Amino acid sequence: MKNRLRELRAARGWTQEELGKRLGVSRQAVIAIESDKHDPSLDLAYRIAALFEAPVEAIFENPHTGGASA
């Protein structure tokens, strides 16, 4: 699932390791999500959205519509 996680993380000046710690996941998990190799669980997607104070749809592309609604 395409996402804006790398862009949002970089805008805050966080490393992948820092983001992982804030979310309670490994740096490898952040890398996998950022590179579209792994889709986050619904719970993790909501935690990411809460951390960035944005709706899930502003971070993750809805595969059923072909684009984000942000």
PDB file of N, CA and C in Angstrom:
ATOM      1  N   MET A   1       0.858  -1.166   0.000  1.00  0.00           N
ATOM      2  CA  MET A   1       0.000   0.000   0.000  1.00  0.00           C
ATOM      3  C   MET A   1       0.907   1.233   0.000  1.00  0.00           C
ATOM      4  N   LYS A   2       0.704   2.098  -0.971  1.00  0.00           N
ATOM      5  CA  LYS A   2       1.522   3.305  -1.041  1.00  0.00           C
ATOM      6  C   LYS A   2       1.203   4.216   0.136  1.00  0.00           C
ATOM      7  N   ASN A   3       2.233   4.952   0.572  1.00  0.00           N
ATOM      8  CA  ASN A   3       2.033   5.805   1.731  1.00  0.00           C
ATOM      9  C   ASN A   3       3.008   6.978   1.715  1.00  0.00           C
ATOM     10  N   ARG A   4       2.765   7.923   2.607  1.00  0.00           N
ATOM     11  CA  ARG A   4       3.581   9.132   2.745  1.00  0.00           C
ATOM     12  C   ARG A   4       4.446   9.097   3.998  1.00  0.00           C
ATOM     13  N   LEU A   5       4.654   7.912   4.550  1.00  0.00           N
ATOM     14  CA  LEU A   5       5.345   7.805   5.828  1.00  0.00           C
ATOM     15  C   LEU A   5       6.755   8.383   5.770  1.00  0.00           C
ATOM     16  N   ARG A   6       7.515   8.067   4.751  1.00  0.00           N
ATOM     17  CA  ARG A   6       8.887   8.579   4.640  1.00  0.00           C
ATOM     18  C   ARG A   6       8.890  10.105   4.599  1.00  0.00           C
ATOM     19  N   GLU A   7       7.994  10.664   3.812  1.00  0.00           N
ATOM     20  CA  GLU A   7       7.887  12.124   3.683  1.00  0.00           C
ATOM     21  C   GLU A   7       7.532  12.777   5.023  1.00  0.00           C
ATOM     22  N   LEU A   8       6.572  12.215   5.727  1.00  0.00           N
ATOM     23  CA  LEU A   8       6.146  12.772   7.004  1.00  0.00           C
ATOM     24  C   LEU A   8       7.238  12.641   8.060  1.00  0.00           C
ATOM     25  N   ARG A   9       7.917  11.502   8.060  1.00  0.00           N
ATOM     26  CA  ARG A   9       9.009  11.279   9.020  1.00  0.00           C
ATOM     27  C   ARG A   9      10.140  12.272   8.766  1.00  0.00           C
ATOM     28  N   ALA A  10      10.516  12.420   7.502  1.00  0.00           N
ATOM     29  CA  ALA A  10      11.611  13.326   7.142  1.00  0.00           C
ATOM     30  C   ALA A  10      11.270  14.772   7.497  1.00  0.00           C
ATOM     31  N   ALA A  11      10.014  15.151   7.325  1.00  0.00           N
ATOM     32  CA  ALA A  11       9.598  16.522   7.636  1.00  0.00           C
ATOM     33  C   ALA A  11       9.784  16.831   9.120  1.00  0.00           C
ATOM     34  N   ARG A  12       9.725  15.809   9.954  1.00  0.00           N
ATOM     35  CA  ARG A  12       9.926  16.004  11.399  1.00  0.00           C
ATOM     36  C   ARG A  12      11.382  15.790  11.809  1.00  0.00           C
ATOM     37  N   GLY A  13      12.212  15.387  10.855  1.00  0.00           N
ATOM     38  CA  GLY A  13      13.620  15.181  11.162  1.00  0.00           C
ATOM     39  C   GLY A  13      13.899  13.917  11.954  1.00  0.00           C
ATOM     40  N   TRP A  14      12.985  12.942  11.898  1.00  0.00           N
ATOM     41  CA  TRP A  14      13.147  11.705  12.638  1.00  0.00           C
ATOM     42  C   TRP A  14      13.851  10.659  11.783  1.00  0.00           C
ATOM     43  N   THR A  15      14.678   9.846  12.411  1.00  0.00           N
ATOM     44  CA  THR A  15      15.256   8.694  11.730  1.00  0.00           C
ATOM     45  C   THR A  15      14.219   7.572  11.738  1.00  0.00           C
ATOM     46  N   GLN A  16      14.479   6.538  10.953  1.00  0.00           N
ATOM     47  CA  GLN A  16      13.587   5.378  10.968  1.00  0.00           C
ATOM     48  C   GLN A  16      13.589   4.741  12.352  1.00  0.00           C
ATOM     49  N   GLU A  17      14.733   4.746  12.997  1.00  0.00           N
ATOM     50  CA  GLU A  17      14.841   4.196  14.355  1.00  0.00           C
ATOM     51  C   GLU A  17      13.976   4.999  15.331  1.00  0.00           C
ATOM     52  N   GLU A  18      14.040   6.335  15.250  1.00  0.00           N
ATOM     53  CA  GLU A  18      13.238   7.178  16.150  1.00  0.00           C
ATOM     54  C   GLU A  18      11.745   6.943  15.928  1.00  0.00           C
ATOM     55  N   LEU A  19      11.337   6.868  14.671  1.00  0.00           N
ATOM     56  CA  LEU A  19       9.930   6.629  14.381  1.00  0.00           C
ATOM     57  C   LEU A  19       9.503   5.272  14.928  1.00  0.00           C
ATOM     58  N   GLY A  20      10.335   4.263  14.728  1.00  0.00           N
ATOM     59  CA  GLY A  20      10.025   2.940  15.256  1.00  0.00           C
ATOM     60  C   GLY A  20       9.829   2.961  16.759  1.00  0.00           C
ATOM     61  N   LYS A  21      10.702   3.663  17.475  1.00  0.00           N
ATOM     62  CA  LYS A  21      10.570   3.752  18.935  1.00  0.00           C
ATOM     63  C   LYS A  21       9.278   4.447  19.330  1.00  0.00           C
ATOM     64  N   ARG A  22       8.927   5.504  18.621  1.00  0.00           N
ATOM     65  CA  ARG A  22       7.687   6.228  18.927  1.00  0.00           C
ATOM     66  C   ARG A  22       6.448   5.357  18.699  1.00  0.00           C
ATOM     67  N   LEU A  23       6.562   4.437  17.742  1.00  0.00           N
ATOM     68  CA  LEU A  23       5.430   3.571  17.405  1.00  0.00           C
ATOM     69  C   LEU A  23       5.475   2.220  18.104  1.00  0.00           C
ATOM     70  N   GLY A  24       6.607   1.904  18.732  1.00  0.00           N
ATOM     71  CA  GLY A  24       6.742   0.614  19.384  1.00  0.00           C
ATOM     72  C   GLY A  24       7.001  -0.524  18.411  1.00  0.00           C
ATOM     73  N   VAL A  25       7.674  -0.210  17.286  1.00  0.00           N
ATOM     74  CA  VAL A  25       8.029  -1.231  16.297  1.00  0.00           C
ATOM     75  C   VAL A  25       9.517  -1.103  15.983  1.00  0.00           C
ATOM     76  N   SER A  26      10.042  -2.062  15.282  1.00  0.00           N
ATOM     77  CA  SER A  26      11.459  -2.047  14.929  1.00  0.00           C
ATOM     78  C   SER A  26      11.737  -1.100  13.762  1.00  0.00           C
ATOM     79  N   ARG A  27      12.988  -0.731  13.621  1.00  0.00           N
ATOM     80  CA  ARG A  27      13.414   0.066  12.466  1.00  0.00           C
ATOM     81  C   ARG A  27      13.132  -0.698  11.179  1.00  0.00           C
ATOM     82  N   GLN A  28      13.304  -2.007  11.213  1.00  0.00           N
ATOM     83  CA  GLN A  28      13.043  -2.836  10.037  1.00  0.00           C
ATOM     84  C   GLN A  28      11.573  -2.775   9.632  1.00  0.00           C
ATOM     85  N   ALA A  29      10.682  -2.692  10.609  1.00  0.00           N
ATOM     86  CA  ALA A  29       9.249  -2.569  10.305  1.00  0.00           C
ATOM     87  C   ALA A  29       8.966  -1.247   9.612  1.00  0.00           C
ATOM     88  N   VAL A  30       9.605  -0.175  10.086  1.00  0.00           N
ATOM     89  CA  VAL A  30       9.432   1.137   9.454  1.00  0.00           C
ATOM     90  C   VAL A  30       9.947   1.083   8.016  1.00  0.00           C
ATOM     91  N   ILE A  31      11.116   0.488   7.820  1.00  0.00           N
ATOM     92  CA  ILE A  31      11.685   0.368   6.473  1.00  0.00           C
ATOM     93  C   ILE A  31      10.725  -0.391   5.554  1.00  0.00           C
ATOM     94  N   ALA A  32      10.181  -1.502   6.039  1.00  0.00           N
ATOM     95  CA  ALA A  32       9.277  -2.318   5.229  1.00  0.00           C
ATOM     96  C   ALA A  32       8.006  -1.558   4.849  1.00  0.00           C
ATOM     97  N   ILE A  33       7.477  -0.773   5.765  1.00  0.00           N
ATOM     98  CA  ILE A  33       6.269   0.006   5.468  1.00  0.00           C
ATOM     99  C   ILE A  33       6.597   1.132   4.490  1.00  0.00           C
ATOM    100  N   GLU A  34       7.688   1.850   4.742  1.00  0.00           N
ATOM    101  CA  GLU A  34       8.066   2.961   3.863  1.00  0.00           C
ATOM    102  C   GLU A  34       8.340   2.495   2.436  1.00  0.00           C
ATOM    103  N   SER A  35       8.869   1.305   2.279  1.00  0.00           N
ATOM    104  CA  SER A  35       9.220   0.809   0.944  1.00  0.00           C
ATOM    105  C   SER A  35       8.092  -0.010   0.316  1.00  0.00           C
ATOM    106  N   ASP A  36       6.916   0.021   0.916  1.00  0.00           N
ATOM    107  CA  ASP A  36       5.734  -0.689   0.408  1.00  0.00           C
ATOM    108  C   ASP A  36       5.920  -2.202   0.336  1.00  0.00           C
ATOM    109  N   LYS A  37       6.837  -2.737   1.144  1.00  0.00           N
ATOM    110  CA  LYS A  37       7.046  -4.189   1.188  1.00  0.00           C
ATOM    111  C   LYS A  37       6.120  -4.846   2.210  1.00  0.00           C
ATOM    112  N   HIS A  38       5.555  -4.044   3.102  1.00  0.00           N
ATOM    113  CA  HIS A  38       4.680  -4.568   4.151  1.00  0.00           C
ATOM    114  C   HIS A  38       3.599  -3.534   4.438  1.00  0.00           C
ATOM    115  N   ASP A  39       2.366  -4.000   4.541  1.00  0.00           N
ATOM    116  CA  ASP A  39       1.269  -3.122   4.942  1.00  0.00           C
ATOM    117  C   ASP A  39       1.127  -3.183   6.457  1.00  0.00           C
ATOM    118  N   PRO A  40       0.945  -2.034   7.098  1.00  0.00           N
ATOM    119  CA  PRO A  40       0.786  -2.053   8.555  1.00  0.00           C
ATOM    120  C   PRO A  40      -0.558  -2.656   8.938  1.00  0.00           C
ATOM    121  N   SER A  41      -0.623  -3.189  10.143  1.00  0.00           N
ATOM    122  CA  SER A  41      -1.915  -3.639  10.668  1.00  0.00           C
ATOM    123  C   SER A  41      -2.805  -2.410  10.818  1.00  0.00           C
ATOM    124  N   LEU A  42      -4.075  -2.631  10.953  1.00  0.00           N
ATOM    125  CA  LEU A  42      -4.999  -1.519  11.150  1.00  0.00           C
ATOM    126  C   LEU A  42      -4.643  -0.742  12.415  1.00  0.00           C
ATOM    127  N   ASP A  43      -4.304  -1.476  13.472  1.00  0.00           N
ATOM    128  CA  ASP A  43      -3.909  -0.830  14.715  1.00  0.00           C
ATOM    129  C   ASP A  43      -2.687   0.063  14.513  1.00  0.00           C
ATOM    130  N   LEU A  44      -1.669  -0.443  13.824  1.00  0.00           N
ATOM    131  CA  LEU A  44      -0.464   0.346  13.585  1.00  0.00           C
ATOM    132  C   LEU A  44      -0.761   1.537  12.680  1.00  0.00           C
ATOM    133  N   ALA A  45      -1.596   1.355  11.679  1.00  0.00           N
ATOM    134  CA  ALA A  45      -1.953   2.473  10.796  1.00  0.00           C
ATOM    135  C   ALA A  45      -2.613   3.594  11.599  1.00  0.00           C
ATOM    136  N   TYR A  46      -3.482   3.239  12.537  1.00  0.00           N
ATOM    137  CA  TYR A  46      -4.128   4.252  13.376  1.00  0.00           C
ATOM    138  C   TYR A  46      -3.124   4.911  14.333  1.00  0.00           C
ATOM    139  N   ARG A  47      -2.157   4.141  14.835  1.00  0.00           N
ATOM    140  CA  ARG A  47      -1.129   4.733  15.703  1.00  0.00           C
ATOM    141  C   ARG A  47      -0.261   5.704  14.914  1.00  0.00           C
ATOM    142  N   ILE A  48       0.056   5.349  13.671  1.00  0.00           N
ATOM    143  CA  ILE A  48       0.835   6.246  12.809  1.00  0.00           C
ATOM    144  C   ILE A  48       0.052   7.526  12.567  1.00  0.00           C
ATOM    145  N   ALA A  49      -1.222   7.390  12.234  1.00  0.00           N
ATOM    146  CA  ALA A  49      -2.061   8.557  11.976  1.00  0.00           C
ATOM    147  C   ALA A  49      -2.145   9.448  13.210  1.00  0.00           C
ATOM    148  N   ALA A  50      -2.293   8.854  14.380  1.00  0.00           N
ATOM    149  CA  ALA A  50      -2.368   9.633  15.616  1.00  0.00           C
ATOM    150  C   ALA A  50      -1.052  10.361  15.873  1.00  0.00           C
ATOM    151  N   LEU A  51       0.066   9.692  15.643  1.00  0.00           N
ATOM    152  CA  LEU A  51       1.373  10.298  15.874  1.00  0.00           C
ATOM    153  C   LEU A  51       1.569  11.527  14.982  1.00  0.00           C
ATOM    154  N   PHE A  52       1.135  11.422  13.733  1.00  0.00           N
ATOM    155  CA  PHE A  52       1.296  12.531  12.794  1.00  0.00           C
ATOM    156  C   PHE A  52       0.092  13.479  12.790  1.00  0.00           C
ATOM    157  N   GLU A  53      -0.867  13.207  13.671  1.00  0.00           N
ATOM    158  CA  GLU A  53      -2.070  14.048  13.800  1.00  0.00           C
ATOM    159  C   GLU A  53      -2.731  14.277  12.446  1.00  0.00           C
ATOM    160  N   ALA A  54      -2.964  13.174  11.733  1.00  0.00           N
ATOM    161  CA  ALA A  54      -3.575  13.229  10.403  1.00  0.00           C
ATOM    162  C   ALA A  54      -4.500  12.023  10.243  1.00  0.00           C
ATOM    163  N   PRO A  55      -5.500  12.135   9.401  1.00  0.00           N
ATOM    164  CA  PRO A  55      -6.349  10.962   9.158  1.00  0.00           C
ATOM    165  C   PRO A  55      -5.552   9.872   8.434  1.00  0.00           C
ATOM    166  N   VAL A  56      -5.928   8.643   8.655  1.00  0.00           N
ATOM    167  CA  VAL A  56      -5.259   7.514   8.003  1.00  0.00           C
ATOM    168  C   VAL A  56      -5.201   7.728   6.490  1.00  0.00           C
ATOM    169  N   GLU A  57      -6.278   8.242   5.921  1.00  0.00           N
ATOM    170  CA  GLU A  57      -6.363   8.433   4.470  1.00  0.00           C
ATOM    171  C   GLU A  57      -5.367   9.465   3.949  1.00  0.00           C
ATOM    172  N   ALA A  58      -4.873  10.335   4.825  1.00  0.00           N
ATOM    173  CA  ALA A  58      -3.880  11.330   4.417  1.00  0.00           C
ATOM    174  C   ALA A  58      -2.475  10.735   4.374  1.00  0.00           C
ATOM    175  N   ILE A  59      -2.311   9.559   4.957  1.00  0.00           N
ATOM    176  CA  ILE A  59      -0.999   8.917   5.016  1.00  0.00           C
ATOM    177  C   ILE A  59      -0.933   7.700   4.092  1.00  0.00           C
ATOM    178  N   PHE A  60      -1.991   6.918   4.076  1.00  0.00           N
ATOM    179  CA  PHE A  60      -2.014   5.685   3.294  1.00  0.00           C
ATOM    180  C   PHE A  60      -2.997   5.791   2.140  1.00  0.00           C
ATOM    181  N   GLU A  61      -2.565   5.334   0.970  1.00  0.00           N
ATOM    182  CA  GLU A  61      -3.425   5.344  -0.205  1.00  0.00           C
ATOM    183  C   GLU A  61      -4.486   4.255  -0.071  1.00  0.00           C
ATOM    184  N   ASN A  62      -5.695   4.592  -0.382  1.00  0.00           N
ATOM    185  CA  ASN A  62      -6.774   3.616  -0.377  1.00  0.00           C
ATOM    186  C   ASN A  62      -6.664   2.804  -1.662  1.00  0.00           C
ATOM    187  N   PRO A  63      -6.352   1.504  -1.575  1.00  0.00           N
ATOM    188  CA  PRO A  63      -6.165   0.701  -2.785  1.00  0.00           C
ATOM    189  C   PRO A  63      -7.447   0.523  -3.576  1.00  0.00           C
ATOM    190  N   HIS A  64      -8.565   0.855  -2.991  1.00  0.00           N
ATOM    191  CA  HIS A  64      -9.854   0.669  -3.668  1.00  0.00           C
ATOM    192  C   HIS A  64     -10.279   1.906  -4.468  1.00  0.00           C
ATOM    193  N   THR A  65      -9.579   3.031  -4.248  1.00  0.00           N
ATOM    194  CA  THR A  65      -9.899   4.230  -5.017  1.00  0.00           C
ATOM    195  C   THR A  65      -8.734   4.664  -5.896  1.00  0.00           C
ATOM    196  N   GLY A  66      -7.548   4.123  -5.642  1.00  0.00           N
ATOM    197  CA  GLY A  66      -6.387   4.444  -6.456  1.00  0.00           C
ATOM    198  C   GLY A  66      -5.641   5.685  -6.038  1.00  0.00           C
ATOM    199  N   GLY A  67      -6.065   6.324  -4.953  1.00  0.00           N
ATOM    200  CA  GLY A  67      -5.348   7.531  -4.511  1.00  0.00           C
ATOM    201  C   GLY A  67      -5.761   7.942  -3.125  1.00  0.00           C
ATOM    202  N   ALA A  68      -4.911   8.718  -2.499  1.00  0.00           N
ATOM    203  CA  ALA A  68      -5.209   9.236  -1.171  1.00  0.00           C
ATOM    204  C   ALA A  68      -6.213  10.369  -1.280  1.00  0.00           C
ATOM    205  N   SER A  69      -6.952  10.577  -0.225  1.00  0.00           N
ATOM    206  CA  SER A  69      -7.950  11.642  -0.244  1.00  0.00           C
ATOM    207  C   SER A  69      -7.510  12.831   0.569  1.00  0.00           C
ATOM    208  N   ALA A  70      -6.221  13.117   0.575  1.00  0.00           N
ATOM    209  CA  ALA A  70      -5.724  14.241   1.385  1.00  0.00           C
ATOM    210  C   ALA A  70      -5.567  15.452   0.580  1.00  0.00           C
TER     211      ALA A  70
END
